[in-house]
């Protein structure tokens, strides 16, 4: 009498092993196709839930990184403008000495004043042109906040609500045609102090943003 598969113990074991092998092949093929060990919740529900949360966090962290990189660029542009202004002010101090030591109304005085005012124009252009992505830290009355964490933490760059481009010491040497009375070392020194103080602030902020970016 012939045996059926229902009563053939050896055949049942072989079929069971074949099914297990096919299941393993399906899992392996799915991993090859998706590149993921756990591609769906049915592969491993707990790990899938953790992985989904981590992927969402990674996307949020990329957004934080982009915010910090944008802020770093804004600060770096402001620093570059500040360096340009500092160099111009150093030349202006020497010109101020020459202006005050020259004869009032002389050709020499006129020549020195022309150079002095030309440098003042360069300062004005540098500060007004220090813009990145629509933000100019030297000429803004609005605080610029950077996102520093996925929970909504922020870090402020710039000088807060103070309009530094309109600050009196800087405007005194770059606000237009300066005459003999306005071209003194005292006035230039005040502008230098204003600019270098602001540069110190920007330098600190640049380093802070860089450290946060490295951490992220």
N, C-alpha and C. Protein backbone atom coordinates (compact mmCIF):
# COMPACT_ATOMS: atom_id res chain seq x y z
N UNK A 1 0.86 -1.18 0.00
CA UNK A 1 0.00 0.00 0.00
C UNK A 1 0.90 1.24 0.00
N UNK A 2 0.64 2.20 -0.93
CA UNK A 2 1.48 3.40 -1.08
C UNK A 2 1.28 4.36 0.08
N UNK A 3 2.40 5.02 0.48
CA UNK A 3 2.33 6.03 1.54
C UNK A 3 1.92 7.39 0.98
N UNK A 4 1.07 8.14 1.70
CA UNK A 4 0.74 9.52 1.29
C UNK A 4 1.67 10.48 2.05
N UNK A 5 1.72 11.70 1.55
CA UNK A 5 2.59 12.69 2.21
C UNK A 5 2.10 12.99 3.62
N UNK A 6 0.82 12.76 3.87
CA UNK A 6 0.28 13.03 5.20
C UNK A 6 0.76 12.02 6.24
N UNK A 7 1.17 10.84 5.75
CA UNK A 7 1.61 9.82 6.70
C UNK A 7 3.10 9.52 6.58
N UNK A 8 3.79 10.23 5.62
CA UNK A 8 5.21 10.02 5.39
C UNK A 8 5.98 11.04 6.24
N UNK A 9 6.53 10.56 7.36
CA UNK A 9 7.21 11.46 8.30
C UNK A 9 8.42 12.14 7.66
N UNK A 10 9.18 11.42 6.86
CA UNK A 10 10.36 11.97 6.22
C UNK A 10 10.00 13.08 5.25
N UNK A 11 8.91 12.88 4.50
CA UNK A 11 8.49 13.90 3.54
C UNK A 11 8.01 15.15 4.26
N UNK A 12 7.34 14.97 5.39
CA UNK A 12 6.85 16.11 6.16
C UNK A 12 8.01 16.95 6.70
N UNK A 13 9.04 16.27 7.18
CA UNK A 13 10.22 16.98 7.68
C UNK A 13 10.91 17.75 6.55
N UNK A 14 11.02 17.10 5.38
CA UNK A 14 11.67 17.75 4.24
C UNK A 14 10.88 18.99 3.81
N UNK A 15 9.54 18.88 3.81
CA UNK A 15 8.71 20.03 3.43
C UNK A 15 8.86 21.16 4.45
N UNK A 16 8.94 20.81 5.70
CA UNK A 16 9.09 21.82 6.76
C UNK A 16 10.42 22.57 6.59
N UNK A 17 11.48 21.82 6.32
CA UNK A 17 12.79 22.44 6.11
C UNK A 17 12.80 23.32 4.87
N UNK A 18 12.11 22.87 3.81
CA UNK A 18 12.04 23.65 2.57
C UNK A 18 11.32 24.97 2.81
N UNK A 19 10.23 24.92 3.57
CA UNK A 19 9.49 26.15 3.88
C UNK A 19 10.35 27.12 4.69
N UNK A 20 11.10 26.59 5.64
CA UNK A 20 11.97 27.44 6.46
C UNK A 20 13.06 28.08 5.60
N UNK A 21 13.61 27.27 4.68
CA UNK A 21 14.64 27.80 3.78
C UNK A 21 14.08 28.89 2.88
N UNK A 22 12.88 28.69 2.35
CA UNK A 22 12.25 29.70 1.49
C UNK A 22 11.98 31.00 2.26
N UNK A 23 11.58 30.86 3.52
CA UNK A 23 11.32 32.04 4.34
C UNK A 23 12.61 32.83 4.56
N UNK A 24 13.71 32.09 4.83
CA UNK A 24 14.99 32.76 5.01
C UNK A 24 15.46 33.42 3.72
N UNK A 25 15.24 32.76 2.61
CA UNK A 25 15.60 33.35 1.31
C UNK A 25 14.81 34.63 1.04
N UNK A 26 13.53 34.59 1.39
CA UNK A 26 12.69 35.78 1.21
C UNK A 26 13.21 36.96 2.05
N UNK A 27 13.59 36.65 3.30
CA UNK A 27 14.12 37.72 4.16
C UNK A 27 15.43 38.27 3.60
N UNK A 28 16.30 37.35 3.15
CA UNK A 28 17.58 37.79 2.59
C UNK A 28 17.39 38.62 1.34
N UNK A 29 16.48 38.19 0.47
CA UNK A 29 16.21 38.93 -0.77
C UNK A 29 15.64 40.30 -0.46
N UNK A 30 14.79 40.37 0.55
CA UNK A 30 14.20 41.66 0.92
C UNK A 30 15.29 42.60 1.45
N UNK A 31 16.26 42.06 2.21
CA UNK A 31 17.36 42.88 2.72
C UNK A 31 18.23 43.39 1.57
N UNK A 32 18.44 42.51 0.58
CA UNK A 32 19.23 42.92 -0.59
C UNK A 32 18.50 44.03 -1.36
N UNK A 33 17.20 43.87 -1.53
CA UNK A 33 16.42 44.83 -2.31
C UNK A 33 16.32 46.19 -1.62
N UNK A 34 16.15 46.19 -0.29
CA UNK A 34 15.93 47.44 0.44
C UNK A 34 17.20 48.00 1.05
N UNK A 35 18.21 47.16 1.25
CA UNK A 35 19.41 47.59 1.94
C UNK A 35 19.21 47.70 3.44
N UNK A 36 18.09 47.22 3.94
CA UNK A 36 17.75 47.32 5.35
C UNK A 36 17.56 45.94 5.96
N UNK A 37 18.13 45.77 7.15
CA UNK A 37 17.89 44.51 7.85
C UNK A 37 16.47 44.46 8.36
N UNK A 38 15.96 45.59 8.80
CA UNK A 38 14.57 45.70 9.26
C UNK A 38 13.89 46.73 8.36
N UNK A 39 13.19 46.26 7.36
CA UNK A 39 12.57 47.15 6.38
C UNK A 39 11.14 47.50 6.73
N UNK A 40 10.46 46.61 7.41
CA UNK A 40 9.06 46.85 7.78
C UNK A 40 8.85 46.43 9.22
N UNK A 41 7.70 46.81 9.77
CA UNK A 41 7.39 46.49 11.16
C UNK A 41 7.32 44.98 11.39
N UNK A 42 6.95 44.23 10.37
CA UNK A 42 6.82 42.79 10.57
C UNK A 42 8.18 42.10 10.69
N UNK A 43 9.26 42.77 10.23
CA UNK A 43 10.59 42.18 10.38
C UNK A 43 11.01 42.19 11.85
N UNK A 44 10.76 43.30 12.50
CA UNK A 44 11.05 43.42 13.94
C UNK A 44 10.40 44.72 14.40
N UNK A 45 9.26 44.59 15.03
CA UNK A 45 8.45 45.76 15.38
C UNK A 45 9.18 46.76 16.25
N UNK A 46 9.88 46.29 17.28
CA UNK A 46 10.57 47.19 18.22
C UNK A 46 11.69 47.96 17.53
N UNK A 47 12.52 47.23 16.78
CA UNK A 47 13.64 47.89 16.09
C UNK A 47 13.12 48.84 15.01
N UNK A 48 12.05 48.44 14.33
CA UNK A 48 11.48 49.31 13.28
C UNK A 48 11.02 50.63 13.88
N UNK A 49 10.40 50.58 15.06
CA UNK A 49 9.92 51.80 15.71
C UNK A 49 11.10 52.71 16.09
N UNK A 50 12.17 52.10 16.63
CA UNK A 50 13.35 52.87 17.00
C UNK A 50 14.00 53.49 15.77
N UNK A 51 14.12 52.70 14.71
CA UNK A 51 14.76 53.18 13.48
C UNK A 51 13.98 54.33 12.86
N UNK A 52 12.66 54.23 12.87
CA UNK A 52 11.83 55.29 12.30
C UNK A 52 12.04 56.60 13.06
N UNK A 53 12.11 56.49 14.39
CA UNK A 53 12.36 57.69 15.21
C UNK A 53 13.73 58.27 14.92
N UNK A 54 14.73 57.41 14.76
CA UNK A 54 16.08 57.88 14.47
C UNK A 54 16.17 58.56 13.11
N UNK A 55 15.46 58.01 12.12
CA UNK A 55 15.47 58.63 10.79
C UNK A 55 14.84 60.02 10.85
N UNK A 56 13.77 60.15 11.60
CA UNK A 56 13.14 61.46 11.75
C UNK A 56 14.08 62.44 12.45
N UNK A 57 14.79 61.96 13.47
CA UNK A 57 15.74 62.81 14.18
C UNK A 57 16.89 63.25 13.27
N UNK A 58 17.33 62.35 12.41
CA UNK A 58 18.41 62.68 11.48
C UNK A 58 17.99 63.80 10.53
N UNK A 59 16.76 63.73 10.05
CA UNK A 59 16.26 64.79 9.17
C UNK A 59 16.21 66.13 9.89
N UNK A 60 15.78 66.09 11.15
CA UNK A 60 15.71 67.32 11.94
C UNK A 60 17.11 67.86 12.21
N UNK A 61 18.06 66.98 12.48
CA UNK A 61 19.42 67.41 12.74
C UNK A 61 20.06 68.03 11.51
N UNK A 62 19.71 67.54 10.33
CA UNK A 62 20.20 68.14 9.09
C UNK A 62 19.70 69.58 8.96
N UNK A 63 18.47 69.82 9.37
CA UNK A 63 17.92 71.17 9.33
C UNK A 63 18.66 72.08 10.30
N UNK A 64 18.99 71.55 11.49
CA UNK A 64 19.76 72.32 12.47
C UNK A 64 21.15 72.64 11.90
N UNK A 65 21.76 71.65 11.28
CA UNK A 65 23.08 71.84 10.69
C UNK A 65 23.04 72.93 9.62
N UNK A 66 22.02 72.92 8.78
CA UNK A 66 21.89 73.95 7.74
C UNK A 66 21.74 75.34 8.35
N UNK A 67 20.99 75.43 9.44
CA UNK A 67 20.81 76.72 10.11
C UNK A 67 22.13 77.25 10.65
N UNK A 68 22.91 76.37 11.27
CA UNK A 68 24.20 76.78 11.82
C UNK A 68 25.19 77.16 10.72
N UNK A 69 25.18 76.41 9.62
CA UNK A 69 26.08 76.73 8.51
C UNK A 69 25.73 78.08 7.90
N UNK A 70 24.44 78.35 7.80
CA UNK A 70 24.00 79.66 7.29
C UNK A 70 24.47 80.76 8.23
N UNK A 71 24.30 80.55 9.54
CA UNK A 71 24.73 81.55 10.51
C UNK A 71 26.23 81.78 10.47
N UNK A 72 26.99 80.69 10.30
CA UNK A 72 28.44 80.83 10.22
C UNK A 72 28.85 81.67 9.02
N UNK A 73 28.17 81.48 7.90
CA UNK A 73 28.47 82.27 6.70
C UNK A 73 28.12 83.74 6.90
N UNK A 74 27.00 84.00 7.57
CA UNK A 74 26.60 85.39 7.84
C UNK A 74 27.65 86.08 8.70
N UNK A 75 28.11 85.41 9.74
CA UNK A 75 29.11 85.99 10.63
C UNK A 75 30.43 86.19 9.90
N UNK A 76 30.84 85.21 9.09
CA UNK A 76 32.11 85.31 8.38
C UNK A 76 32.12 86.49 7.40
N UNK A 77 30.99 86.73 6.74
CA UNK A 77 30.91 87.87 5.83
C UNK A 77 31.03 89.18 6.62
N UNK A 78 30.38 89.23 7.77
CA UNK A 78 30.47 90.43 8.61
C UNK A 78 31.90 90.65 9.11
N UNK A 79 32.59 89.56 9.46
CA UNK A 79 33.97 89.66 9.89
C UNK A 79 34.87 90.19 8.77
N UNK A 80 34.64 89.70 7.56
CA UNK A 80 35.45 90.15 6.42
C UNK A 80 35.26 91.65 6.19
N UNK A 81 34.02 92.11 6.31
CA UNK A 81 33.76 93.55 6.15
C UNK A 81 34.44 94.34 7.26
N UNK A 82 34.40 93.82 8.47
CA UNK A 82 35.05 94.48 9.59
C UNK A 82 36.55 94.61 9.40
N UNK A 83 37.18 93.58 8.84
CA UNK A 83 38.61 93.63 8.56
C UNK A 83 38.93 94.73 7.53
N UNK A 84 38.06 94.84 6.52
CA UNK A 84 38.24 95.89 5.52
C UNK A 84 38.14 97.27 6.15
N UNK A 85 37.16 97.43 7.03
CA UNK A 85 36.96 98.71 7.70
C UNK A 85 38.15 99.04 8.60
N UNK A 86 38.65 98.06 9.31
CA UNK A 86 39.79 98.29 10.20
C UNK A 86 41.01 98.78 9.43
N UNK A 87 41.27 98.12 8.29
CA UNK A 87 42.41 98.53 7.46
C UNK A 87 42.25 99.97 6.98
N UNK A 88 41.03 100.34 6.60
CA UNK A 88 40.78 101.70 6.13
C UNK A 88 40.96 102.72 7.25
N UNK A 89 40.50 102.38 8.45
CA UNK A 89 40.63 103.29 9.58
C UNK A 89 42.09 103.51 9.98
N UNK A 90 42.89 102.47 9.84
CA UNK A 90 44.31 102.62 10.15
C UNK A 90 44.95 103.66 9.22
N UNK A 91 44.58 103.60 7.93
CA UNK A 91 45.09 104.60 6.98
C UNK A 91 44.54 105.98 7.30
N UNK A 92 43.28 106.03 7.70
CA UNK A 92 42.65 107.31 8.00
C UNK A 92 43.28 108.01 9.20
N UNK A 93 43.79 107.23 10.14
CA UNK A 93 44.43 107.86 11.31
C UNK A 93 45.70 108.60 10.89
N UNK A 94 46.47 107.97 10.00
CA UNK A 94 47.67 108.64 9.50
C UNK A 94 47.29 109.88 8.71
N UNK A 95 46.23 109.79 7.91
CA UNK A 95 45.78 110.95 7.15
C UNK A 95 45.30 112.06 8.07
N UNK A 96 44.65 111.68 9.18
CA UNK A 96 44.17 112.68 10.12
C UNK A 96 45.32 113.49 10.70
N UNK A 97 46.43 112.82 10.99
CA UNK A 97 47.61 113.52 11.50
C UNK A 97 48.12 114.51 10.45
N UNK A 98 48.17 114.05 9.19
CA UNK A 98 48.65 114.92 8.11
C UNK A 98 47.71 116.11 7.90
N UNK A 99 46.42 115.86 8.01
CA UNK A 99 45.44 116.94 7.81
C UNK A 99 45.61 118.01 8.88
N UNK A 100 45.72 117.59 10.12
CA UNK A 100 45.82 118.55 11.22
C UNK A 100 47.16 119.29 11.23
N UNK A 101 48.17 118.68 10.64
CA UNK A 101 49.49 119.33 10.61
C UNK A 101 49.69 120.20 9.37
N UNK A 102 48.77 120.09 8.39
CA UNK A 102 48.88 120.91 7.18
C UNK A 102 48.23 122.27 7.40
N UNK A 103 48.51 123.19 6.52
CA UNK A 103 47.95 124.54 6.60
C UNK A 103 46.50 124.50 6.16
N UNK A 104 45.64 125.11 6.97
CA UNK A 104 44.22 125.13 6.63
C UNK A 104 44.00 125.82 5.29
N UNK A 105 43.22 125.18 4.42
CA UNK A 105 42.91 125.74 3.12
C UNK A 105 43.96 125.49 2.07
N UNK A 106 45.02 124.80 2.41
CA UNK A 106 46.10 124.55 1.45
C UNK A 106 45.75 123.38 0.53
N UNK A 107 46.54 123.27 -0.54
CA UNK A 107 46.34 122.16 -1.47
C UNK A 107 46.64 120.82 -0.80
N UNK A 108 47.62 120.84 0.09
CA UNK A 108 47.97 119.61 0.80
C UNK A 108 46.80 119.13 1.65
N UNK A 109 46.18 120.06 2.37
CA UNK A 109 45.04 119.70 3.18
C UNK A 109 43.92 119.13 2.31
N UNK A 110 43.66 119.76 1.18
CA UNK A 110 42.60 119.30 0.28
C UNK A 110 42.88 117.88 -0.22
N UNK A 111 44.14 117.61 -0.52
CA UNK A 111 44.51 116.28 -1.02
C UNK A 111 44.33 115.23 0.07
N UNK A 112 44.75 115.57 1.29
CA UNK A 112 44.60 114.63 2.40
C UNK A 112 43.11 114.37 2.70
N UNK A 113 42.32 115.43 2.67
CA UNK A 113 40.88 115.28 2.93
C UNK A 113 40.21 114.44 1.85
N UNK A 114 40.67 114.58 0.63
CA UNK A 114 40.10 113.78 -0.46
C UNK A 114 40.35 112.30 -0.21
N UNK A 115 41.58 111.98 0.18
CA UNK A 115 41.90 110.57 0.48
C UNK A 115 41.11 110.09 1.70
N UNK A 116 41.00 110.95 2.70
CA UNK A 116 40.28 110.61 3.93
C UNK A 116 38.83 110.27 3.61
N UNK A 117 38.20 111.10 2.81
CA UNK A 117 36.79 110.86 2.47
C UNK A 117 36.60 109.68 1.53
N UNK A 118 37.61 109.42 0.70
CA UNK A 118 37.53 108.25 -0.18
C UNK A 118 37.53 106.97 0.66
N UNK A 119 38.37 106.95 1.69
CA UNK A 119 38.40 105.80 2.58
C UNK A 119 37.09 105.68 3.36
N UNK A 120 36.53 106.82 3.74
CA UNK A 120 35.23 106.80 4.42
C UNK A 120 34.16 106.19 3.53
N UNK A 121 34.22 106.50 2.23
CA UNK A 121 33.27 105.90 1.29
C UNK A 121 33.45 104.39 1.19
N UNK A 122 34.71 103.92 1.24
CA UNK A 122 34.97 102.49 1.20
C UNK A 122 34.39 101.80 2.43
N UNK A 123 34.52 102.46 3.58
CA UNK A 123 33.95 101.91 4.82
C UNK A 123 32.45 101.77 4.69
N UNK A 124 31.81 102.81 4.19
CA UNK A 124 30.35 102.79 4.03
C UNK A 124 29.91 101.66 3.11
N UNK A 125 30.62 101.49 1.99
CA UNK A 125 30.27 100.43 1.04
C UNK A 125 30.51 99.04 1.63
N UNK A 126 31.61 98.90 2.38
CA UNK A 126 31.94 97.60 2.97
C UNK A 126 30.87 97.17 3.97
N UNK A 127 30.44 98.11 4.81
CA UNK A 127 29.44 97.77 5.82
C UNK A 127 28.07 97.51 5.19
N UNK A 128 27.71 98.29 4.19
CA UNK A 128 26.41 98.08 3.54
C UNK A 128 26.40 96.83 2.66
N UNK A 129 27.57 96.42 2.20
CA UNK A 129 27.64 95.25 1.32
C UNK A 129 27.89 93.95 2.04
N UNK A 130 28.02 94.00 3.36
CA UNK A 130 28.32 92.79 4.14
C UNK A 130 27.07 91.96 4.37
N UNK A 131 26.43 91.54 3.31
CA UNK A 131 25.15 90.82 3.41
C UNK A 131 25.29 89.40 2.89
N UNK A 132 24.70 88.46 3.61
CA UNK A 132 24.64 87.07 3.17
C UNK A 132 23.24 86.54 3.39
N UNK A 133 22.64 86.03 2.34
CA UNK A 133 21.28 85.49 2.42
C UNK A 133 20.30 86.52 2.99
N UNK A 134 20.51 87.77 2.63
CA UNK A 134 19.60 88.83 3.05
C UNK A 134 19.82 89.37 4.44
N UNK A 135 20.89 88.93 5.11
CA UNK A 135 21.17 89.40 6.47
C UNK A 135 22.49 90.15 6.50
N UNK A 136 22.47 91.35 7.06
CA UNK A 136 23.67 92.16 7.23
C UNK A 136 23.77 92.52 8.71
N UNK A 137 24.70 91.90 9.41
CA UNK A 137 24.82 92.12 10.86
C UNK A 137 25.28 93.53 11.20
N UNK A 138 25.90 94.20 10.25
CA UNK A 138 26.37 95.56 10.50
C UNK A 138 25.27 96.59 10.31
N UNK A 139 24.19 96.19 9.71
CA UNK A 139 23.14 97.16 9.38
C UNK A 139 21.77 96.54 9.56
N UNK A 140 21.47 96.14 10.79
CA UNK A 140 20.16 95.55 11.06
C UNK A 140 19.71 95.90 12.47
N UNK A 141 18.42 96.04 12.61
CA UNK A 141 17.84 96.30 13.93
C UNK A 141 17.05 95.09 14.42
N UNK A 142 17.16 93.99 13.67
CA UNK A 142 16.43 92.78 14.02
C UNK A 142 17.41 91.69 14.44
N UNK A 143 17.13 91.05 15.55
CA UNK A 143 18.01 89.97 16.02
C UNK A 143 17.96 88.80 15.04
N UNK A 144 19.10 88.16 14.83
CA UNK A 144 19.19 87.00 13.95
C UNK A 144 19.43 85.76 14.80
N UNK A 145 18.45 84.86 14.83
CA UNK A 145 18.53 83.66 15.65
C UNK A 145 18.81 82.43 14.80
N UNK A 146 19.69 81.58 15.29
CA UNK A 146 19.99 80.32 14.63
C UNK A 146 19.38 79.18 15.43
N UNK A 147 18.88 78.18 14.74
CA UNK A 147 18.36 76.99 15.41
C UNK A 147 19.53 76.10 15.80
N UNK A 148 19.60 75.73 17.06
CA UNK A 148 20.73 74.95 17.55
C UNK A 148 20.37 73.53 18.00
N UNK A 149 19.08 73.22 18.07
CA UNK A 149 18.68 71.88 18.50
C UNK A 149 17.31 71.54 17.93
N UNK A 150 17.01 70.25 17.90
CA UNK A 150 15.73 69.80 17.36
C UNK A 150 14.58 70.19 18.28
N UNK A 151 14.91 70.55 19.52
CA UNK A 151 13.87 70.95 20.46
C UNK A 151 13.53 72.43 20.37
N UNK A 152 14.19 73.13 19.45
CA UNK A 152 13.87 74.53 19.23
C UNK A 152 14.81 75.51 19.89
N UNK A 153 15.96 75.07 20.38
CA UNK A 153 16.93 75.98 20.98
C UNK A 153 17.49 76.94 19.95
N UNK A 154 17.82 78.15 20.37
CA UNK A 154 18.33 79.15 19.45
C UNK A 154 19.60 79.82 19.98
N UNK A 155 20.34 80.42 19.07
CA UNK A 155 21.54 81.19 19.42
C UNK A 155 21.53 82.46 18.59
N UNK A 156 21.70 83.59 19.25
CA UNK A 156 21.61 84.88 18.55
C UNK A 156 22.98 85.35 18.09
N UNK A 157 23.05 85.78 16.83
CA UNK A 157 24.28 86.34 16.28
C UNK A 157 24.05 87.81 15.95
N UNK A 158 25.15 88.55 15.86
CA UNK A 158 25.05 89.97 15.56
C UNK A 158 25.12 90.80 16.82
N UNK A 159 24.55 91.99 16.74
CA UNK A 159 24.66 92.94 17.84
C UNK A 159 23.31 93.26 18.47
N UNK A 160 22.35 92.38 18.30
CA UNK A 160 21.04 92.59 18.89
C UNK A 160 20.27 93.67 18.16
N UNK A 161 19.60 94.52 18.92
CA UNK A 161 18.72 95.53 18.32
C UNK A 161 19.44 96.84 18.02
N UNK A 162 20.76 96.87 18.14
CA UNK A 162 21.51 98.10 17.89
C UNK A 162 21.96 98.14 16.44
N UNK A 163 21.67 99.24 15.77
CA UNK A 163 22.06 99.40 14.38
C UNK A 163 23.51 99.88 14.35
N UNK A 164 24.45 98.96 14.16
CA UNK A 164 25.85 99.31 14.25
C UNK A 164 26.32 100.17 13.08
N UNK A 165 25.72 100.01 11.91
CA UNK A 165 26.15 100.82 10.78
C UNK A 165 25.82 102.28 10.99
N UNK A 166 24.85 102.57 11.84
CA UNK A 166 24.46 103.95 12.10
C UNK A 166 25.07 104.48 13.39
N UNK A 167 25.95 103.69 14.01
CA UNK A 167 26.58 104.11 15.26
C UNK A 167 27.40 105.37 15.00
N UNK A 168 27.32 106.32 15.91
CA UNK A 168 27.94 107.64 15.72
C UNK A 168 29.42 107.59 15.40
N UNK A 169 30.25 106.80 16.10
CA UNK A 169 31.69 106.83 15.81
C UNK A 169 32.02 106.42 14.37
N UNK A 170 31.30 105.44 13.85
CA UNK A 170 31.56 104.99 12.47
C UNK A 170 31.01 106.00 11.47
N UNK A 171 29.80 106.46 11.72
CA UNK A 171 29.18 107.43 10.81
C UNK A 171 29.98 108.71 10.73
N UNK A 172 30.66 109.07 11.81
CA UNK A 172 31.43 110.31 11.85
C UNK A 172 32.52 110.35 10.80
N UNK A 173 33.03 109.17 10.40
CA UNK A 173 34.11 109.14 9.41
C UNK A 173 33.65 108.61 8.06
N UNK A 174 32.42 108.10 7.99
CA UNK A 174 31.97 107.50 6.73
C UNK A 174 30.62 108.02 6.28
N UNK A 175 30.08 109.01 6.97
CA UNK A 175 28.74 109.48 6.65
C UNK A 175 28.65 110.52 5.55
N UNK A 176 29.76 110.86 4.94
CA UNK A 176 29.73 111.86 3.87
C UNK A 176 31.02 112.65 3.85
N UNK A 177 30.99 113.84 3.26
CA UNK A 177 32.18 114.67 3.17
C UNK A 177 32.59 115.19 4.55
N UNK A 178 33.77 114.81 4.97
CA UNK A 178 34.29 115.23 6.28
C UNK A 178 35.25 116.39 6.08
N UNK A 179 35.10 117.43 6.89
CA UNK A 179 36.02 118.57 6.78
C UNK A 179 37.16 118.41 7.78
N UNK A 180 37.97 119.46 7.88
CA UNK A 180 39.15 119.42 8.75
C UNK A 180 38.76 119.12 10.20
N UNK A 181 37.68 119.72 10.67
CA UNK A 181 37.28 119.54 12.06
C UNK A 181 36.85 118.10 12.36
N UNK A 182 36.37 117.40 11.32
CA UNK A 182 35.91 116.03 11.54
C UNK A 182 36.97 114.99 11.30
N UNK A 183 38.13 115.41 10.78
CA UNK A 183 39.21 114.47 10.47
C UNK A 183 40.30 114.56 11.51
N UNK A 184 40.00 114.10 12.69
CA UNK A 184 40.99 114.12 13.78
C UNK A 184 41.26 112.71 14.26
N UNK A 185 42.40 112.55 14.91
CA UNK A 185 42.75 111.22 15.42
C UNK A 185 41.79 110.77 16.51
N UNK A 186 41.25 111.72 17.26
CA UNK A 186 40.29 111.37 18.32
C UNK A 186 39.04 110.74 17.73
N UNK A 187 38.55 111.33 16.64
CA UNK A 187 37.35 110.79 15.99
C UNK A 187 37.63 109.44 15.36
N UNK A 188 38.79 109.33 14.73
CA UNK A 188 39.15 108.05 14.10
C UNK A 188 39.34 106.97 15.16
N UNK A 189 39.98 107.33 16.27
CA UNK A 189 40.18 106.35 17.36
C UNK A 189 38.85 105.83 17.90
N UNK A 190 37.86 106.73 18.00
CA UNK A 190 36.54 106.31 18.47
C UNK A 190 35.92 105.30 17.51
N UNK A 191 36.10 105.53 16.20
CA UNK A 191 35.58 104.60 15.20
C UNK A 191 36.30 103.26 15.27
N UNK A 192 37.62 103.32 15.47
CA UNK A 192 38.40 102.08 15.58
C UNK A 192 37.93 101.27 16.78
N UNK A 193 37.71 101.94 17.89
CA UNK A 193 37.24 101.25 19.09
C UNK A 193 35.88 100.60 18.85
N UNK A 194 34.99 101.32 18.17
CA UNK A 194 33.66 100.79 17.87
C UNK A 194 33.74 99.54 17.02
N UNK A 195 34.54 99.61 15.96
CA UNK A 195 34.64 98.49 15.02
C UNK A 195 35.32 97.28 15.67
N UNK A 196 36.40 97.50 16.37
CA UNK A 196 37.12 96.37 16.98
C UNK A 196 36.30 95.71 18.08
N UNK A 197 35.52 96.51 18.80
CA UNK A 197 34.63 95.92 19.81
C UNK A 197 33.61 95.00 19.15
N UNK A 198 33.06 95.46 18.04
CA UNK A 198 32.09 94.65 17.31
C UNK A 198 32.75 93.41 16.70
N UNK A 199 33.98 93.56 16.22
CA UNK A 199 34.69 92.42 15.65
C UNK A 199 34.96 91.36 16.73
N UNK A 200 35.26 91.81 17.95
CA UNK A 200 35.46 90.86 19.04
C UNK A 200 34.19 90.05 19.29
N UNK A 201 33.05 90.75 19.24
CA UNK A 201 31.76 90.07 19.43
C UNK A 201 31.53 89.05 18.33
N UNK A 202 31.78 89.44 17.09
CA UNK A 202 31.58 88.54 15.96
C UNK A 202 32.54 87.35 16.02
N UNK A 203 33.78 87.60 16.45
CA UNK A 203 34.75 86.51 16.54
C UNK A 203 34.31 85.47 17.56
N UNK A 204 33.81 85.92 18.68
CA UNK A 204 33.31 85.00 19.71
C UNK A 204 32.13 84.19 19.17
N UNK A 205 31.22 84.87 18.47
CA UNK A 205 30.06 84.19 17.92
C UNK A 205 30.46 83.17 16.85
N UNK A 206 31.44 83.53 16.02
CA UNK A 206 31.88 82.61 14.98
C UNK A 206 32.44 81.33 15.58
N UNK A 207 33.25 81.46 16.63
CA UNK A 207 33.81 80.27 17.29
C UNK A 207 32.72 79.44 17.95
N UNK A 208 31.75 80.11 18.55
CA UNK A 208 30.66 79.39 19.21
C UNK A 208 29.83 78.61 18.21
N UNK A 209 29.51 79.24 17.09
CA UNK A 209 28.72 78.56 16.05
C UNK A 209 29.51 77.38 15.50
N UNK A 210 30.83 77.56 15.31
CA UNK A 210 31.67 76.48 14.80
C UNK A 210 31.68 75.27 15.74
N UNK A 211 31.75 75.54 17.06
CA UNK A 211 31.74 74.44 18.03
C UNK A 211 30.40 73.71 18.01
N UNK A 212 29.31 74.48 17.92
CA UNK A 212 27.99 73.84 17.88
C UNK A 212 27.82 73.02 16.61
N UNK A 213 28.35 73.52 15.51
CA UNK A 213 28.25 72.80 14.24
C UNK A 213 29.03 71.49 14.31
N UNK A 214 30.21 71.52 14.91
CA UNK A 214 31.00 70.30 15.07
C UNK A 214 30.26 69.29 15.92
N UNK A 215 29.64 69.75 16.99
CA UNK A 215 28.87 68.86 17.87
C UNK A 215 27.70 68.22 17.11
N UNK A 216 26.96 69.05 16.36
CA UNK A 216 25.82 68.53 15.61
C UNK A 216 26.28 67.49 14.60
